[in-house]
Amino acid sequence: MATARPRPQVMRLTEAAADRIRELMATSERPIAGLRVGVRNGGCAGMAYTMEYAGEVAANDEVVEDKGVRLLIDPKAVLFLLGTEMDYRIDKLSSQFVFNNPNQTSACGCGESVQLTPAQGEEAGAR
């Protein structure tokens, strides 16, 4: 009897990102089921990451629990986000979430949009 290979986790969070998401969610005036993460077409490089509070889990969401945070991954974005680490960085002039994505092939100069290719190989095949 063949055993099923475990599915790879689509995304993971650094401690800094998890801490910041928990802080933001704690100040919300409405109940939040999780942080919905996805990608959309747009920007000079072709795609942009999206994040929004979600009041409920959609039927097709890929649910990722990491470091006490629930991420809801848009099903259309799974192959673009597979293997991504989300970080939160603070420097002298800004603070922002940063996506360390192995599927990103380039980014625009302003950092607002990226070029992504769907995940290939063994991890993608496990989906």
N, C-alpha and C. Protein backbone atom coordinates (compact mmCIF):
# COMPACT_ATOMS: atom_id res chain seq x y z
N MET A 1 0.84 -1.17 0.00
CA MET A 1 0.00 0.00 0.00
C MET A 1 0.89 1.24 0.00
N ALA A 2 0.66 2.13 -0.91
CA ALA A 2 1.46 3.37 -1.02
C ALA A 2 1.00 4.36 0.04
N THR A 3 1.97 5.08 0.58
CA THR A 3 1.63 6.10 1.56
C THR A 3 1.68 7.47 0.88
N ALA A 4 0.80 8.32 1.28
CA ALA A 4 0.74 9.66 0.71
C ALA A 4 1.90 10.49 1.22
N ARG A 5 2.49 11.21 0.33
CA ARG A 5 3.58 12.11 0.69
C ARG A 5 2.96 13.35 1.36
N PRO A 6 3.56 13.82 2.47
CA PRO A 6 2.98 15.00 3.12
C PRO A 6 3.05 16.23 2.21
N ARG A 7 2.03 17.07 2.30
CA ARG A 7 2.00 18.28 1.48
C ARG A 7 2.95 19.31 2.06
N PRO A 8 3.71 19.97 1.22
CA PRO A 8 4.60 21.01 1.73
C PRO A 8 3.79 22.21 2.22
N GLN A 9 4.30 22.89 3.24
CA GLN A 9 3.65 24.10 3.72
C GLN A 9 3.88 25.20 2.70
N VAL A 10 2.82 25.86 2.29
CA VAL A 10 2.92 26.88 1.24
C VAL A 10 3.82 28.03 1.68
N MET A 11 3.58 28.54 2.88
CA MET A 11 4.35 29.68 3.38
C MET A 11 4.75 29.43 4.82
N ARG A 12 5.77 30.17 5.25
CA ARG A 12 6.14 30.17 6.65
C ARG A 12 6.44 31.61 7.06
N LEU A 13 6.39 31.86 8.35
CA LEU A 13 6.62 33.20 8.88
C LEU A 13 7.87 33.24 9.71
N THR A 14 8.56 34.37 9.70
CA THR A 14 9.62 34.58 10.67
C THR A 14 8.95 34.99 11.97
N GLU A 15 9.70 34.95 13.07
CA GLU A 15 9.15 35.40 14.35
C GLU A 15 8.72 36.86 14.28
N ALA A 16 9.50 37.70 13.60
CA ALA A 16 9.17 39.12 13.49
C ALA A 16 7.83 39.32 12.76
N ALA A 17 7.60 38.57 11.68
CA ALA A 17 6.34 38.69 10.94
C ALA A 17 5.17 38.20 11.79
N ALA A 18 5.34 37.07 12.45
CA ALA A 18 4.26 36.53 13.28
C ALA A 18 3.92 37.50 14.41
N ASP A 19 4.94 38.08 15.06
CA ASP A 19 4.70 39.04 16.14
C ASP A 19 3.92 40.24 15.63
N ARG A 20 4.32 40.78 14.48
CA ARG A 20 3.66 41.97 13.95
C ARG A 20 2.22 41.67 13.53
N ILE A 21 1.97 40.53 12.92
CA ILE A 21 0.61 40.16 12.52
C ILE A 21 -0.27 40.01 13.75
N ARG A 22 0.25 39.36 14.80
CA ARG A 22 -0.53 39.22 16.04
C ARG A 22 -0.85 40.59 16.63
N GLU A 23 0.12 41.51 16.62
CA GLU A 23 -0.11 42.88 17.12
C GLU A 23 -1.23 43.56 16.34
N LEU A 24 -1.17 43.48 15.03
CA LEU A 24 -2.18 44.13 14.19
C LEU A 24 -3.55 43.52 14.39
N MET A 25 -3.63 42.21 14.47
CA MET A 25 -4.91 41.54 14.64
C MET A 25 -5.53 41.87 16.00
N ALA A 26 -4.70 42.05 17.02
CA ALA A 26 -5.19 42.34 18.36
C ALA A 26 -5.86 43.71 18.43
N THR A 27 -5.52 44.61 17.52
CA THR A 27 -6.10 45.95 17.54
C THR A 27 -7.32 46.08 16.64
N SER A 28 -7.71 45.01 15.97
CA SER A 28 -8.84 45.07 15.06
C SER A 28 -10.15 45.25 15.83
N GLU A 29 -11.05 45.98 15.22
CA GLU A 29 -12.36 46.21 15.84
C GLU A 29 -13.38 45.14 15.46
N ARG A 30 -13.00 44.22 14.61
CA ARG A 30 -13.92 43.14 14.21
C ARG A 30 -13.19 41.80 14.31
N PRO A 31 -13.93 40.71 14.42
CA PRO A 31 -13.28 39.39 14.50
C PRO A 31 -12.55 39.06 13.20
N ILE A 32 -11.37 38.46 13.35
CA ILE A 32 -10.55 38.11 12.20
C ILE A 32 -10.26 36.61 12.24
N ALA A 33 -10.58 35.92 11.14
CA ALA A 33 -10.31 34.49 11.05
C ALA A 33 -8.87 34.22 10.66
N GLY A 34 -8.23 35.19 9.99
CA GLY A 34 -6.85 35.02 9.57
C GLY A 34 -6.43 36.13 8.63
N LEU A 35 -5.21 36.06 8.20
CA LEU A 35 -4.67 37.01 7.23
C LEU A 35 -4.67 36.34 5.87
N ARG A 36 -5.44 36.88 4.93
CA ARG A 36 -5.50 36.32 3.58
C ARG A 36 -4.33 36.88 2.78
N VAL A 37 -3.55 35.99 2.18
CA VAL A 37 -2.38 36.36 1.38
C VAL A 37 -2.59 35.83 -0.03
N GLY A 38 -2.26 36.66 -1.00
CA GLY A 38 -2.39 36.24 -2.39
C GLY A 38 -1.49 37.07 -3.28
N VAL A 39 -1.72 36.97 -4.57
CA VAL A 39 -1.03 37.79 -5.56
C VAL A 39 -2.08 38.29 -6.54
N ARG A 40 -1.80 39.42 -7.14
CA ARG A 40 -2.70 39.96 -8.17
C ARG A 40 -1.86 40.47 -9.33
N ASN A 41 -2.46 40.55 -10.49
CA ASN A 41 -1.78 41.12 -11.65
C ASN A 41 -1.72 42.63 -11.47
N GLY A 42 -0.57 43.21 -11.80
CA GLY A 42 -0.45 44.65 -11.72
C GLY A 42 0.97 45.09 -11.45
N GLY A 43 1.19 46.38 -11.55
CA GLY A 43 2.51 46.93 -11.31
C GLY A 43 3.40 46.78 -12.53
N CYS A 44 4.54 47.44 -12.47
CA CYS A 44 5.43 47.44 -13.63
C CYS A 44 6.14 46.11 -13.85
N ALA A 45 6.23 45.25 -12.83
CA ALA A 45 6.88 43.95 -13.01
C ALA A 45 5.87 42.84 -13.30
N GLY A 46 4.58 43.12 -13.15
CA GLY A 46 3.57 42.14 -13.55
C GLY A 46 2.66 41.62 -12.46
N MET A 47 3.17 41.50 -11.22
CA MET A 47 2.34 40.97 -10.13
C MET A 47 2.67 41.70 -8.84
N ALA A 48 1.72 41.65 -7.90
CA ALA A 48 1.95 42.26 -6.59
C ALA A 48 1.37 41.34 -5.52
N TYR A 49 2.00 41.32 -4.37
CA TYR A 49 1.49 40.55 -3.24
C TYR A 49 0.30 41.30 -2.64
N THR A 50 -0.66 40.54 -2.14
CA THR A 50 -1.81 41.14 -1.47
C THR A 50 -1.94 40.54 -0.07
N MET A 51 -2.42 41.36 0.85
CA MET A 51 -2.70 40.91 2.21
C MET A 51 -3.94 41.66 2.70
N GLU A 52 -4.83 40.94 3.35
CA GLU A 52 -6.01 41.58 3.93
C GLU A 52 -6.53 40.72 5.07
N TYR A 53 -7.20 41.36 6.01
CA TYR A 53 -7.84 40.61 7.08
C TYR A 53 -9.02 39.85 6.49
N ALA A 54 -9.24 38.64 6.98
CA ALA A 54 -10.36 37.84 6.52
C ALA A 54 -11.28 37.56 7.70
N GLY A 55 -12.55 37.82 7.52
CA GLY A 55 -13.53 37.56 8.56
C GLY A 55 -13.90 36.10 8.67
N GLU A 56 -13.70 35.36 7.58
CA GLU A 56 -14.00 33.93 7.60
C GLU A 56 -13.08 33.19 6.63
N VAL A 57 -12.97 31.91 6.83
CA VAL A 57 -12.16 31.06 5.95
C VAL A 57 -13.04 30.67 4.76
N ALA A 58 -12.56 30.96 3.55
CA ALA A 58 -13.30 30.57 2.35
C ALA A 58 -13.10 29.07 2.10
N ALA A 59 -14.04 28.47 1.43
CA ALA A 59 -14.02 27.02 1.20
C ALA A 59 -12.75 26.53 0.53
N ASN A 60 -12.19 27.31 -0.38
CA ASN A 60 -11.01 26.88 -1.13
C ASN A 60 -9.69 27.40 -0.59
N ASP A 61 -9.72 28.15 0.50
CA ASP A 61 -8.48 28.68 1.06
C ASP A 61 -7.54 27.56 1.49
N GLU A 62 -6.26 27.76 1.25
CA GLU A 62 -5.22 26.89 1.80
C GLU A 62 -4.89 27.50 3.17
N VAL A 63 -5.18 26.77 4.23
CA VAL A 63 -4.97 27.29 5.58
C VAL A 63 -3.60 26.87 6.09
N VAL A 64 -2.81 27.87 6.50
CA VAL A 64 -1.47 27.63 7.04
C VAL A 64 -1.44 28.20 8.45
N GLU A 65 -1.13 27.36 9.42
CA GLU A 65 -0.96 27.80 10.81
C GLU A 65 0.54 27.80 11.08
N ASP A 66 1.09 28.96 11.44
CA ASP A 66 2.52 29.06 11.72
C ASP A 66 2.75 30.07 12.83
N LYS A 67 3.42 29.64 13.88
CA LYS A 67 3.80 30.50 15.00
C LYS A 67 2.60 31.22 15.60
N GLY A 68 1.46 30.53 15.67
CA GLY A 68 0.27 31.10 16.28
C GLY A 68 -0.52 32.03 15.39
N VAL A 69 -0.20 32.08 14.10
CA VAL A 69 -0.89 32.93 13.14
C VAL A 69 -1.53 32.06 12.07
N ARG A 70 -2.75 32.40 11.69
CA ARG A 70 -3.42 31.67 10.62
C ARG A 70 -3.36 32.50 9.34
N LEU A 71 -2.72 31.92 8.33
CA LEU A 71 -2.67 32.51 7.00
C LEU A 71 -3.67 31.78 6.12
N LEU A 72 -4.42 32.52 5.34
CA LEU A 72 -5.38 31.95 4.39
C LEU A 72 -4.86 32.29 3.00
N ILE A 73 -4.41 31.27 2.30
CA ILE A 73 -3.77 31.48 1.00
C ILE A 73 -4.82 31.33 -0.10
N ASP A 74 -4.93 32.35 -0.91
CA ASP A 74 -5.83 32.32 -2.06
C ASP A 74 -5.42 31.14 -2.94
N PRO A 75 -6.36 30.26 -3.31
CA PRO A 75 -5.99 29.06 -4.08
C PRO A 75 -5.32 29.38 -5.41
N LYS A 76 -5.62 30.53 -6.02
CA LYS A 76 -4.98 30.91 -7.28
C LYS A 76 -3.52 31.32 -7.07
N ALA A 77 -3.13 31.58 -5.83
CA ALA A 77 -1.78 32.06 -5.54
C ALA A 77 -0.85 30.96 -5.01
N VAL A 78 -1.38 29.78 -4.71
CA VAL A 78 -0.59 28.74 -4.05
C VAL A 78 0.71 28.43 -4.80
N LEU A 79 0.64 28.18 -6.09
CA LEU A 79 1.85 27.81 -6.83
C LEU A 79 2.84 28.97 -6.93
N PHE A 80 2.36 30.21 -6.82
CA PHE A 80 3.26 31.36 -6.87
C PHE A 80 3.91 31.60 -5.51
N LEU A 81 3.28 31.13 -4.43
CA LEU A 81 3.79 31.38 -3.08
C LEU A 81 4.48 30.18 -2.45
N LEU A 82 4.44 29.03 -3.08
CA LEU A 82 5.02 27.82 -2.51
C LEU A 82 6.49 28.02 -2.14
N GLY A 83 6.81 27.80 -0.88
CA GLY A 83 8.17 27.95 -0.40
C GLY A 83 8.52 29.34 0.11
N THR A 84 7.56 30.25 0.14
CA THR A 84 7.81 31.63 0.53
C THR A 84 7.92 31.79 2.05
N GLU A 85 8.86 32.62 2.46
CA GLU A 85 8.99 33.03 3.85
C GLU A 85 8.60 34.50 3.94
N MET A 86 7.68 34.80 4.85
CA MET A 86 7.24 36.18 5.05
C MET A 86 7.95 36.73 6.27
N ASP A 87 8.60 37.88 6.12
CA ASP A 87 9.36 38.51 7.19
C ASP A 87 8.79 39.90 7.44
N TYR A 88 9.15 40.50 8.56
CA TYR A 88 8.80 41.88 8.85
C TYR A 88 10.08 42.59 9.23
N ARG A 89 10.39 43.66 8.51
CA ARG A 89 11.64 44.37 8.73
C ARG A 89 11.39 45.84 9.06
N ILE A 90 12.22 46.34 9.96
CA ILE A 90 12.18 47.75 10.34
C ILE A 90 13.57 48.32 10.11
N ASP A 91 13.62 49.43 9.37
CA ASP A 91 14.90 50.13 9.23
C ASP A 91 14.67 51.61 9.56
N LYS A 92 15.63 52.44 9.30
CA LYS A 92 15.55 53.85 9.69
C LYS A 92 14.39 54.59 9.04
N LEU A 93 14.03 54.24 7.82
CA LEU A 93 13.02 54.99 7.09
C LEU A 93 11.71 54.25 6.84
N SER A 94 11.66 52.97 7.14
CA SER A 94 10.43 52.24 6.83
C SER A 94 10.29 50.98 7.69
N SER A 95 9.09 50.48 7.69
CA SER A 95 8.82 49.15 8.24
C SER A 95 7.86 48.48 7.26
N GLN A 96 8.12 47.19 6.98
CA GLN A 96 7.31 46.53 5.97
C GLN A 96 7.42 45.01 6.06
N PHE A 97 6.39 44.36 5.53
CA PHE A 97 6.45 42.92 5.35
C PHE A 97 7.25 42.66 4.08
N VAL A 98 8.09 41.63 4.13
CA VAL A 98 8.95 41.29 3.00
C VAL A 98 8.71 39.82 2.67
N PHE A 99 8.53 39.52 1.39
CA PHE A 99 8.32 38.16 0.94
C PHE A 99 9.61 37.63 0.33
N ASN A 100 10.20 36.61 0.96
CA ASN A 100 11.38 35.93 0.41
C ASN A 100 10.84 34.71 -0.34
N ASN A 101 10.69 34.89 -1.65
CA ASN A 101 9.97 33.93 -2.47
C ASN A 101 10.90 33.30 -3.52
N PRO A 102 11.09 31.98 -3.46
CA PRO A 102 11.95 31.33 -4.45
C PRO A 102 11.38 31.35 -5.86
N ASN A 103 10.11 31.71 -6.00
CA ASN A 103 9.46 31.76 -7.32
C ASN A 103 9.52 33.15 -7.95
N GLN A 104 10.13 34.10 -7.24
CA GLN A 104 10.25 35.46 -7.75
C GLN A 104 11.47 35.54 -8.65
N THR A 105 11.25 35.99 -9.88
CA THR A 105 12.36 36.07 -10.84
C THR A 105 12.91 37.48 -10.98
N SER A 106 12.11 38.50 -10.64
CA SER A 106 12.59 39.88 -10.66
C SER A 106 11.60 40.76 -9.91
N ALA A 107 12.01 42.01 -9.70
CA ALA A 107 11.15 42.99 -9.03
C ALA A 107 11.39 44.35 -9.67
N CYS A 108 10.42 45.21 -9.57
CA CYS A 108 10.59 46.56 -10.10
C CYS A 108 11.48 47.37 -9.16
N GLY A 109 11.94 48.47 -9.61
CA GLY A 109 12.83 49.30 -8.82
C GLY A 109 12.20 49.86 -7.56
N CYS A 110 10.90 50.13 -7.59
CA CYS A 110 10.24 50.71 -6.42
C CYS A 110 9.87 49.65 -5.39
N GLY A 111 9.94 48.38 -5.76
CA GLY A 111 9.64 47.30 -4.83
C GLY A 111 8.16 47.00 -4.65
N GLU A 112 7.31 47.63 -5.44
CA GLU A 112 5.87 47.42 -5.29
C GLU A 112 5.34 46.23 -6.09
N SER A 113 6.07 45.79 -7.10
CA SER A 113 5.59 44.65 -7.86
C SER A 113 6.75 43.72 -8.19
N VAL A 114 6.39 42.48 -8.52
CA VAL A 114 7.37 41.43 -8.75
C VAL A 114 6.97 40.61 -9.96
N GLN A 115 7.92 39.86 -10.47
CA GLN A 115 7.62 38.88 -11.51
C GLN A 115 7.76 37.52 -10.86
N LEU A 116 6.71 36.69 -10.98
CA LEU A 116 6.67 35.37 -10.36
C LEU A 116 6.42 34.31 -11.41
N THR A 117 6.98 33.13 -11.18
CA THR A 117 6.67 31.97 -12.00
C THR A 117 6.10 30.90 -11.07
N PRO A 118 5.18 30.08 -11.54
CA PRO A 118 4.65 29.02 -10.68
C PRO A 118 5.75 28.07 -10.24
N ALA A 119 5.60 27.52 -9.04
CA ALA A 119 6.58 26.57 -8.50
C ALA A 119 6.67 25.37 -9.43
N GLN A 120 7.87 24.85 -9.56
CA GLN A 120 8.14 23.68 -10.41
C GLN A 120 8.72 22.57 -9.55
N GLY A 121 8.75 21.39 -10.08
CA GLY A 121 9.48 20.31 -9.44
C GLY A 121 8.67 19.55 -8.39
N GLU A 122 9.41 18.91 -7.49
CA GLU A 122 8.84 17.98 -6.53
C GLU A 122 7.83 18.62 -5.60
N GLU A 123 8.12 19.83 -5.07
CA GLU A 123 7.18 20.47 -4.15
C GLU A 123 5.86 20.77 -4.84
N ALA A 124 5.91 21.28 -6.06
CA ALA A 124 4.69 21.59 -6.78
C ALA A 124 3.90 20.33 -7.12
N GLY A 125 4.60 19.27 -7.39
CA GLY A 125 3.93 18.02 -7.74
C GLY A 125 3.18 17.38 -6.57
N ALA A 126 3.53 17.75 -5.35
CA ALA A 126 2.86 17.21 -4.17
C ALA A 126 1.52 17.85 -3.94
N ARG A 127 1.18 18.88 -4.65
CA ARG A 127 -0.06 19.62 -4.45
C ARG A 127 -1.20 18.86 -5.01
